[in-house]
Amino acid sequence: MNGSPKISQIEIQEMIQDANDPKRRLAFRLSRALSQKGTLDEYIDFLSENMQLIDFIPTKRITSNFKL
């Protein structure tokens, strides 16, 4: 389990429709390429600016194996 929310069947169908539409597919491809152009410093700035928007609750892990 990765903590990601489950998507509904409606959302799945919308994603399939987007993938089948050449214009939407191109828009997603261009936005992905643009989002990956940033530097590490820009990424750290982005995370720093948005940390207050996330409710972070650490999980308690009890371990008995202390090996690396």
PDB file of N, CA and C in Angstrom:
ATOM      1  N   MET A   1       0.832  -1.173   0.000  1.00  0.00           N
ATOM      2  CA  MET A   1       0.000   0.000   0.000  1.00  0.00           C
ATOM      3  C   MET A   1       0.880   1.240   0.000  1.00  0.00           C
ATOM      4  N   ASN A   2       0.640   2.148  -0.923  1.00  0.00           N
ATOM      5  CA  ASN A   2       1.512   3.307  -1.048  1.00  0.00           C
ATOM      6  C   ASN A   2       0.893   4.600  -0.542  1.00  0.00           C
ATOM      7  N   GLY A   3      -0.299   4.567  -0.028  1.00  0.00           N
ATOM      8  CA  GLY A   3      -0.924   5.758   0.511  1.00  0.00           C
ATOM      9  C   GLY A   3      -1.643   6.605  -0.518  1.00  0.00           C
ATOM     10  N   SER A   4      -1.572   6.250  -1.791  1.00  0.00           N
ATOM     11  CA  SER A   4      -2.271   7.007  -2.818  1.00  0.00           C
ATOM     12  C   SER A   4      -3.761   6.684  -2.782  1.00  0.00           C
ATOM     13  N   PRO A   5      -4.602   7.681  -3.015  1.00  0.00           N
ATOM     14  CA  PRO A   5      -6.036   7.416  -3.011  1.00  0.00           C
ATOM     15  C   PRO A   5      -6.441   6.572  -4.217  1.00  0.00           C
ATOM     16  N   LYS A   6      -7.456   5.776  -4.031  1.00  0.00           N
ATOM     17  CA  LYS A   6      -7.987   4.967  -5.131  1.00  0.00           C
ATOM     18  C   LYS A   6      -8.778   5.879  -6.067  1.00  0.00           C
ATOM     19  N   ILE A   7      -8.675   5.630  -7.363  1.00  0.00           N
ATOM     20  CA  ILE A   7      -9.444   6.426  -8.311  1.00  0.00           C
ATOM     21  C   ILE A   7     -10.689   5.648  -8.718  1.00  0.00           C
ATOM     22  N   SER A   8     -11.726   6.393  -9.030  1.00  0.00           N
ATOM     23  CA  SER A   8     -13.012   5.778  -9.370  1.00  0.00           C
ATOM     24  C   SER A   8     -13.007   5.302 -10.820  1.00  0.00           C
ATOM     25  N   GLN A   9     -14.014   4.533 -11.163  1.00  0.00           N
ATOM     26  CA  GLN A   9     -14.150   4.060 -12.538  1.00  0.00           C
ATOM     27  C   GLN A   9     -14.372   5.230 -13.495  1.00  0.00           C
ATOM     28  N   ILE A  10     -15.060   6.269 -13.035  1.00  0.00           N
ATOM     29  CA  ILE A  10     -15.287   7.452 -13.865  1.00  0.00           C
ATOM     30  C   ILE A  10     -13.949   8.121 -14.180  1.00  0.00           C
ATOM     31  N   GLU A  11     -13.090   8.246 -13.169  1.00  0.00           N
ATOM     32  CA  GLU A  11     -11.777   8.856 -13.379  1.00  0.00           C
ATOM     33  C   GLU A  11     -10.923   8.007 -14.318  1.00  0.00           C
ATOM     34  N   ILE A  12     -11.030   6.704 -14.195  1.00  0.00           N
ATOM     35  CA  ILE A  12     -10.291   5.803 -15.091  1.00  0.00           C
ATOM     36  C   ILE A  12     -10.741   6.016 -16.533  1.00  0.00           C
ATOM     37  N   GLN A  13     -12.055   6.103 -16.738  1.00  0.00           N
ATOM     38  CA  GLN A  13     -12.580   6.325 -18.086  1.00  0.00           C
ATOM     39  C   GLN A  13     -12.137   7.677 -18.640  1.00  0.00           C
ATOM     40  N   GLU A  14     -12.102   8.712 -17.781  1.00  0.00           N
ATOM     41  CA  GLU A  14     -11.637  10.027 -18.216  1.00  0.00           C
ATOM     42  C   GLU A  14     -10.168   9.977 -18.634  1.00  0.00           C
ATOM     43  N   MET A  15      -9.368   9.218 -17.901  1.00  0.00           N
ATOM     44  CA  MET A  15      -7.957   9.089 -18.238  1.00  0.00           C
ATOM     45  C   MET A  15      -7.780   8.372 -19.574  1.00  0.00           C
ATOM     46  N   ILE A  16      -8.587   7.356 -19.816  1.00  0.00           N
ATOM     47  CA  ILE A  16      -8.519   6.616 -21.085  1.00  0.00           C
ATOM     48  C   ILE A  16      -8.925   7.523 -22.243  1.00  0.00           C
ATOM     49  N   GLN A  17      -9.978   8.334 -22.027  1.00  0.00           N
ATOM     50  CA  GLN A  17     -10.409   9.267 -23.072  1.00  0.00           C
ATOM     51  C   GLN A  17      -9.317  10.296 -23.363  1.00  0.00           C
ATOM     52  N   ASP A  18      -8.664  10.806 -22.308  1.00  0.00           N
ATOM     53  CA  ASP A  18      -7.562  11.753 -22.501  1.00  0.00           C
ATOM     54  C   ASP A  18      -6.428  11.108 -23.293  1.00  0.00           C
ATOM     55  N   ALA A  19      -6.115   9.860 -22.985  1.00  0.00           N
ATOM     56  CA  ALA A  19      -5.020   9.162 -23.671  1.00  0.00           C
ATOM     57  C   ALA A  19      -5.346   8.925 -25.139  1.00  0.00           C
ATOM     58  N   ASN A  20      -6.617   8.739 -25.456  1.00  0.00           N
ATOM     59  CA  ASN A  20      -7.017   8.476 -26.837  1.00  0.00           C
ATOM     60  C   ASN A  20      -7.179   9.746 -27.666  1.00  0.00           C
ATOM     61  N   ASP A  21      -7.246  10.910 -27.032  1.00  0.00           N
ATOM     62  CA  ASP A  21      -7.386  12.184 -27.731  1.00  0.00           C
ATOM     63  C   ASP A  21      -5.989  12.742 -28.036  1.00  0.00           C
ATOM     64  N   PRO A  22      -5.618  12.846 -29.318  1.00  0.00           N
ATOM     65  CA  PRO A  22      -4.261  13.301 -29.666  1.00  0.00           C
ATOM     66  C   PRO A  22      -3.909  14.675 -29.080  1.00  0.00           C
ATOM     67  N   LYS A  23      -4.846  15.610 -29.053  1.00  0.00           N
ATOM     68  CA  LYS A  23      -4.564  16.949 -28.523  1.00  0.00           C
ATOM     69  C   LYS A  23      -4.303  16.895 -27.018  1.00  0.00           C
ATOM     70  N   ARG A  24      -5.123  16.141 -26.296  1.00  0.00           N
ATOM     71  CA  ARG A  24      -4.935  16.019 -24.843  1.00  0.00           C
ATOM     72  C   ARG A  24      -3.640  15.274 -24.535  1.00  0.00           C
ATOM     73  N   ARG A  25      -3.356  14.231 -25.311  1.00  0.00           N
ATOM     74  CA  ARG A  25      -2.133  13.462 -25.110  1.00  0.00           C
ATOM     75  C   ARG A  25      -0.909  14.362 -25.292  1.00  0.00           C
ATOM     76  N   LEU A  26      -0.930  15.213 -26.320  1.00  0.00           N
ATOM     77  CA  LEU A  26       0.169  16.131 -26.571  1.00  0.00           C
ATOM     78  C   LEU A  26       0.291  17.150 -25.429  1.00  0.00           C
ATOM     79  N   ALA A  27      -0.834  17.648 -24.928  1.00  0.00           N
ATOM     80  CA  ALA A  27      -0.811  18.612 -23.831  1.00  0.00           C
ATOM     81  C   ALA A  27      -0.176  17.998 -22.588  1.00  0.00           C
ATOM     82  N   PHE A  28      -0.544  16.765 -22.262  1.00  0.00           N
ATOM     83  CA  PHE A  28       0.051  16.080 -21.109  1.00  0.00           C
ATOM     84  C   PHE A  28       1.543  15.840 -21.326  1.00  0.00           C
ATOM     85  N   ARG A  29       1.917  15.445 -22.535  1.00  0.00           N
ATOM     86  CA  ARG A  29       3.321  15.182 -22.842  1.00  0.00           C
ATOM     87  C   ARG A  29       4.160  16.460 -22.710  1.00  0.00           C
ATOM     88  N   LEU A  30       3.633  17.579 -23.216  1.00  0.00           N
ATOM     89  CA  LEU A  30       4.355  18.842 -23.126  1.00  0.00           C
ATOM     90  C   LEU A  30       4.457  19.334 -21.685  1.00  0.00           C
ATOM     91  N   SER A  31       3.386  19.169 -20.916  1.00  0.00           N
ATOM     92  CA  SER A  31       3.431  19.609 -19.516  1.00  0.00           C
ATOM     93  C   SER A  31       4.395  18.753 -18.705  1.00  0.00           C
ATOM     94  N   ARG A  32       4.479  17.479 -19.025  1.00  0.00           N
ATOM     95  CA  ARG A  32       5.426  16.611 -18.325  1.00  0.00           C
ATOM     96  C   ARG A  32       6.863  17.017 -18.651  1.00  0.00           C
ATOM     97  N   ALA A  33       7.125  17.270 -19.927  1.00  0.00           N
ATOM     98  CA  ALA A  33       8.475  17.683 -20.325  1.00  0.00           C
ATOM     99  C   ALA A  33       8.844  19.006 -19.660  1.00  0.00           C
ATOM    100  N   LEU A  34       7.902  19.935 -19.599  1.00  0.00           N
ATOM    101  CA  LEU A  34       8.159  21.229 -18.972  1.00  0.00           C
ATOM    102  C   LEU A  34       8.425  21.081 -17.479  1.00  0.00           C
ATOM    103  N   SER A  35       7.687  20.200 -16.824  1.00  0.00           N
ATOM    104  CA  SER A  35       7.862  20.019 -15.380  1.00  0.00           C
ATOM    105  C   SER A  35       9.199  19.366 -15.040  1.00  0.00           C
ATOM    106  N   GLN A  36       9.784  18.647 -15.980  1.00  0.00           N
ATOM    107  CA  GLN A  36      11.046  17.954 -15.718  1.00  0.00           C
ATOM    108  C   GLN A  36      12.273  18.787 -16.086  1.00  0.00           C
ATOM    109  N   LYS A  37      12.074  20.031 -16.537  1.00  0.00           N
ATOM    110  CA  LYS A  37      13.194  20.884 -16.917  1.00  0.00           C
ATOM    111  C   LYS A  37      13.819  21.593 -15.728  1.00  0.00           C
ATOM    112  N   GLY A  38      13.172  21.596 -14.593  1.00  0.00           N
ATOM    113  CA  GLY A  38      13.659  22.340 -13.442  1.00  0.00           C
ATOM    114  C   GLY A  38      14.946  21.774 -12.864  1.00  0.00           C
ATOM    115  N   THR A  39      15.636  22.619 -12.095  1.00  0.00           N
ATOM    116  CA  THR A  39      16.867  22.204 -11.434  1.00  0.00           C
ATOM    117  C   THR A  39      16.541  21.667 -10.045  1.00  0.00           C
ATOM    118  N   LEU A  40      17.524  21.089  -9.410  1.00  0.00           N
ATOM    119  CA  LEU A  40      17.343  20.585  -8.052  1.00  0.00           C
ATOM    120  C   LEU A  40      17.007  21.731  -7.100  1.00  0.00           C
ATOM    121  N   ASP A  41      17.637  22.885  -7.277  1.00  0.00           N
ATOM    122  CA  ASP A  41      17.358  24.039  -6.430  1.00  0.00           C
ATOM    123  C   ASP A  41      15.907  24.502  -6.577  1.00  0.00           C
ATOM    124  N   GLU A  42      15.389  24.488  -7.802  1.00  0.00           N
ATOM    125  CA  GLU A  42      13.988  24.870  -8.024  1.00  0.00           C
ATOM    126  C   GLU A  42      13.050  23.874  -7.356  1.00  0.00           C
ATOM    127  N   TYR A  43      13.392  22.603  -7.403  1.00  0.00           N
ATOM    128  CA  TYR A  43      12.575  21.573  -6.780  1.00  0.00           C
ATOM    129  C   TYR A  43      12.555  21.739  -5.255  1.00  0.00           C
ATOM    130  N   ILE A  44      13.716  22.013  -4.675  1.00  0.00           N
ATOM    131  CA  ILE A  44      13.787  22.221  -3.230  1.00  0.00           C
ATOM    132  C   ILE A  44      13.003  23.472  -2.837  1.00  0.00           C
ATOM    133  N   ASP A  45      13.087  24.539  -3.637  1.00  0.00           N
ATOM    134  CA  ASP A  45      12.302  25.745  -3.381  1.00  0.00           C
ATOM    135  C   ASP A  45      10.812  25.438  -3.429  1.00  0.00           C
ATOM    136  N   PHE A  46      10.394  24.656  -4.428  1.00  0.00           N
ATOM    137  CA  PHE A  46       8.990  24.273  -4.548  1.00  0.00           C
ATOM    138  C   PHE A  46       8.523  23.516  -3.303  1.00  0.00           C
ATOM    139  N   LEU A  47       9.316  22.549  -2.868  1.00  0.00           N
ATOM    140  CA  LEU A  47       8.951  21.787  -1.680  1.00  0.00           C
ATOM    141  C   LEU A  47       8.901  22.679  -0.446  1.00  0.00           C
ATOM    142  N   SER A  48       9.857  23.562  -0.310  1.00  0.00           N
ATOM    143  CA  SER A  48       9.900  24.455   0.849  1.00  0.00           C
ATOM    144  C   SER A  48       8.695  25.377   0.894  1.00  0.00           C
ATOM    145  N   GLU A  49       8.275  25.880  -0.246  1.00  0.00           N
ATOM    146  CA  GLU A  49       7.145  26.797  -0.314  1.00  0.00           C
ATOM    147  C   GLU A  49       5.821  26.105  -0.027  1.00  0.00           C
ATOM    148  N   ASN A  50       5.737  24.800  -0.266  1.00  0.00           N
ATOM    149  CA  ASN A  50       4.461  24.104  -0.153  1.00  0.00           C
ATOM    150  C   ASN A  50       4.363  23.146   1.027  1.00  0.00           C
ATOM    151  N   MET A  51       5.363  23.128   1.889  1.00  0.00           N
ATOM    152  CA  MET A  51       5.344  22.199   3.022  1.00  0.00           C
ATOM    153  C   MET A  51       4.146  22.429   3.945  1.00  0.00           C
ATOM    154  N   GLN A  52       3.735  23.683   4.135  1.00  0.00           N
ATOM    155  CA  GLN A  52       2.640  23.976   5.046  1.00  0.00           C
ATOM    156  C   GLN A  52       1.294  23.477   4.515  1.00  0.00           C
ATOM    157  N   LEU A  53       1.218  23.108   3.254  1.00  0.00           N
ATOM    158  CA  LEU A  53      -0.036  22.640   2.677  1.00  0.00           C
ATOM    159  C   LEU A  53      -0.294  21.155   2.929  1.00  0.00           C
ATOM    160  N   ILE A  54       0.699  20.446   3.435  1.00  0.00           N
ATOM    161  CA  ILE A  54       0.593  19.000   3.612  1.00  0.00           C
ATOM    162  C   ILE A  54       0.508  18.664   5.096  1.00  0.00           C
ATOM    163  N   ASP A  55      -0.486  17.856   5.450  1.00  0.00           N
ATOM    164  CA  ASP A  55      -0.604  17.366   6.821  1.00  0.00           C
ATOM    165  C   ASP A  55       0.305  16.151   6.961  1.00  0.00           C
ATOM    166  N   PHE A  56       1.430  16.353   7.594  1.00  0.00           N
ATOM    167  CA  PHE A  56       2.398  15.269   7.741  1.00  0.00           C
ATOM    168  C   PHE A  56       2.262  14.659   9.123  1.00  0.00           C
ATOM    169  N   ILE A  57       1.916  13.382   9.162  1.00  0.00           N
ATOM    170  CA  ILE A  57       1.815  12.650  10.414  1.00  0.00           C
ATOM    171  C   ILE A  57       2.709  11.430  10.292  1.00  0.00           C
ATOM    172  N   PRO A  58       3.849  11.426  10.988  1.00  0.00           N
ATOM    173  CA  PRO A  58       4.761  10.281  10.866  1.00  0.00           C
ATOM    174  C   PRO A  58       4.143   9.013  11.435  1.00  0.00           C
ATOM    175  N   THR A  59       4.479   7.900  10.827  1.00  0.00           N
ATOM    176  CA  THR A  59       3.996   6.614  11.318  1.00  0.00           C
ATOM    177  C   THR A  59       4.971   6.066  12.342  1.00  0.00           C
ATOM    178  N   LYS A  60       4.433   5.347  13.309  1.00  0.00           N
ATOM    179  CA  LYS A  60       5.268   4.755  14.347  1.00  0.00           C
ATOM    180  C   LYS A  60       5.691   3.365  13.877  1.00  0.00           C
ATOM    181  N   ARG A  61       6.989   3.168  13.788  1.00  0.00           N
ATOM    182  CA  ARG A  61       7.509   1.875  13.377  1.00  0.00           C
ATOM    183  C   ARG A  61       8.340   1.310  14.515  1.00  0.00           C
ATOM    184  N   ILE A  62       7.971   0.138  14.951  1.00  0.00           N
ATOM    185  CA  ILE A  62       8.712  -0.549  16.000  1.00  0.00           C
ATOM    186  C   ILE A  62       9.537  -1.623  15.325  1.00  0.00           C
ATOM    187  N   THR A  63      10.860  -1.506  15.483  1.00  0.00           N
ATOM    188  CA  THR A  63      11.742  -2.465  14.830  1.00  0.00           C
ATOM    189  C   THR A  63      12.571  -3.187  15.896  1.00  0.00           C
ATOM    190  N   SER A  64      12.923  -4.394  15.570  1.00  0.00           N
ATOM    191  CA  SER A  64      13.788  -5.164  16.467  1.00  0.00           C
ATOM    192  C   SER A  64      15.088  -5.545  15.752  1.00  0.00           C
ATOM    193  N   ASN A  65      15.149  -5.300  14.438  1.00  0.00           N
ATOM    194  CA  ASN A  65      16.333  -5.611  13.656  1.00  0.00           C
ATOM    195  C   ASN A  65      17.055  -4.295  13.363  1.00  0.00           C
ATOM    196  N   PHE A  66      18.191  -4.067  13.980  1.00  0.00           N
ATOM    197  CA  PHE A  66      18.901  -2.809  13.841  1.00  0.00           C
ATOM    198  C   PHE A  66      20.067  -2.898  12.858  1.00  0.00           C
ATOM    199  N   LYS A  67      20.062  -3.911  12.018  1.00  0.00           N
ATOM    200  CA  LYS A  67      21.123  -4.054  11.021  1.00  0.00           C
ATOM    201  C   LYS A  67      20.859  -3.115   9.853  1.00  0.00           C
ATOM    202  N   LEU A  68      21.924  -2.694   9.197  1.00  0.00           N
ATOM    203  CA  LEU A  68      21.779  -1.843   8.017  1.00  0.00           C
ATOM    204  C   LEU A  68      21.484  -2.661   6.795  1.00  0.00           C
TER     205      LEU A  68
END
